[in-house]
Protein backbone atom coordinates (compact mmCIF):
# COMPACT_ATOMS: atom_id res chain seq x y z
CA UNK A 1 5.44 12.58 12.41
CA UNK A 2 3.86 10.54 9.60
CA UNK A 3 0.96 11.32 7.31
CA UNK A 4 -1.94 8.90 7.31
CA UNK A 5 -5.15 8.09 5.55
CA UNK A 6 -8.03 6.56 7.50
CA UNK A 7 -11.16 4.81 6.30
CA UNK A 8 -14.68 5.87 7.31
CA UNK A 9 -14.38 3.79 10.49
CA UNK A 10 -11.10 5.41 11.53
CA UNK A 11 -8.79 2.52 10.62
CA UNK A 12 -5.40 3.29 9.12
CA UNK A 13 -5.24 2.60 5.40
CA UNK A 14 -2.00 4.25 4.35
CA UNK A 15 1.03 5.73 6.09
CA UNK A 16 3.66 7.90 4.41
CA UNK A 17 6.61 10.03 5.50
CA UNK A 18 5.54 12.86 3.20
CA UNK A 19 2.13 14.47 2.71
CA UNK A 20 -0.08 12.95 0.00
CA UNK A 21 -3.38 13.89 -1.59
CA UNK A 22 -5.64 11.40 0.20
CA UNK A 23 -4.13 11.91 3.67
CA UNK A 24 -6.57 12.65 6.45
CA UNK A 25 -4.25 13.53 9.33
CA UNK A 26 -0.83 13.16 10.90
CA UNK A 27 0.28 10.71 13.55
CA UNK A 28 3.23 10.58 15.93
CA UNK A 29 5.90 8.08 14.89
CA UNK A 30 6.03 6.80 18.47
CA UNK A 31 2.28 6.06 18.66
CA UNK A 32 1.06 2.62 19.69
CA UNK A 33 -1.46 2.72 16.85
CA UNK A 34 1.27 3.15 14.25
CA UNK A 35 3.36 0.38 15.82
CA UNK A 36 0.34 -1.97 15.79
CA UNK A 37 -0.43 -1.10 12.16
CA UNK A 38 3.17 -1.71 11.07
CA UNK A 39 3.30 -5.01 12.98
CA UNK A 40 0.04 -6.16 11.39
CA UNK A 41 1.31 -5.12 7.96
CA UNK A 42 4.48 -7.19 8.40
CA UNK A 43 2.40 -10.16 9.55
CA UNK A 44 0.24 -9.91 6.44
CA UNK A 45 3.36 -9.75 4.25
CA UNK A 46 4.80 -12.82 5.99
CA UNK A 47 1.58 -14.78 5.51
CA UNK A 48 1.36 -13.77 1.85
CA UNK A 49 4.94 -14.91 1.32
CA UNK A 50 4.09 -18.22 2.99
CA UNK A 51 1.09 -18.66 0.69
CA UNK A 52 3.20 -17.89 -2.37
CA UNK A 53 5.78 -20.46 -1.32
CA UNK A 54 3.10 -23.09 -0.69
CA UNK A 55 1.56 -22.27 -4.09
CA UNK A 56 4.80 -23.37 -5.73
CA UNK A 57 4.75 -26.60 -3.76
CA UNK A 58 1.08 -27.17 -4.53
CA UNK A 59 1.73 -26.89 -8.26
CA UNK A 60 3.95 -29.96 -8.07
CA UNK A 61 1.37 -31.80 -5.96
CA UNK A 62 -1.31 -31.08 -8.55
CA UNK A 63 0.95 -32.27 -11.36
CA UNK A 64 1.44 -35.52 -9.46
CA UNK A 65 -2.31 -35.87 -8.83
CA UNK A 66 -3.04 -35.41 -12.54
CA UNK A 67 -0.41 -38.03 -13.38
CA UNK A 68 -1.89 -40.54 -10.93
CA UNK A 69 -5.43 -39.94 -12.20
CA UNK A 70 -4.30 -40.45 -15.79
CA UNK A 71 -2.25 -43.57 -14.91
CA UNK A 72 -5.20 -45.14 -13.06
CA UNK A 73 -7.57 -44.34 -15.91
CA UNK A 74 -9.77 -42.04 -13.83
CA UNK A 75 -9.35 -39.31 -16.42
CA UNK A 76 -7.83 -39.20 -19.87
CA UNK A 77 -5.07 -36.73 -20.51
CA UNK A 78 -7.12 -35.43 -23.43
CA UNK A 79 -9.97 -34.59 -21.02
CA UNK A 80 -7.85 -31.73 -19.74
CA UNK A 81 -8.20 -28.35 -21.43
CA UNK A 82 -5.61 -27.70 -24.14
CA UNK A 83 -4.03 -24.87 -22.11
CA UNK A 84 -3.60 -27.17 -19.10
CA UNK A 85 -2.04 -29.90 -21.26
CA UNK A 86 0.39 -27.40 -22.77
CA UNK A 87 1.46 -26.16 -19.34
CA UNK A 88 1.87 -29.67 -17.99
CA UNK A 89 3.83 -30.72 -21.08
CA UNK A 90 6.13 -27.70 -20.84
CA UNK A 91 6.79 -28.34 -17.16
CA UNK A 92 7.52 -32.01 -17.86
CA UNK A 93 9.99 -31.06 -20.61
CA UNK A 94 11.67 -28.47 -18.40
CA UNK A 95 11.90 -30.90 -15.48
CA UNK A 96 13.43 -33.57 -17.77
CA UNK A 97 15.98 -31.04 -19.02
CA UNK A 98 16.86 -30.11 -15.45
CA UNK A 99 17.23 -33.78 -14.49
CA UNK A 100 19.60 -34.21 -17.41
CA UNK A 101 21.72 -31.33 -16.18
CA UNK A 102 21.44 -32.01 -12.45
CA UNK A 103 24.14 -34.68 -12.52
CA UNK A 104 26.58 -31.87 -13.19
CA UNK A 105 25.45 -29.96 -10.09
CA UNK A 106 25.87 -32.53 -7.34
CA UNK A 107 23.60 -34.51 -5.04
CA UNK A 108 21.96 -31.58 -3.17
CA UNK A 109 20.63 -30.06 -6.38
CA UNK A 110 18.23 -33.00 -6.97
CA UNK A 111 16.06 -31.45 -4.27
CA UNK A 112 15.10 -28.66 -6.69
CA UNK A 113 12.82 -31.04 -8.54
């Protein structure tokens, strides 16, 4: 048996193994509803993880876009907010430092950049 909290429409909001203050009822561990809720929860976690991973990739894409726009004269680097310039500068310095060290790591490590 698990302890659950439902919303006003009867949907599961929270499931715990021990009673908690906001619980509204109990549910059998073997129930199809609980299995569906747990499956949906894992799917949401997987999608969130995928978004987080793509966020990291997108950061690099945006850095490259800014570089191309500056190189082509579409924008001036100084048009960017100070905070954005500082972040871009710090990332460029860090990436240069990593490139300097990557020769010590071997060929596969260049893929980190």
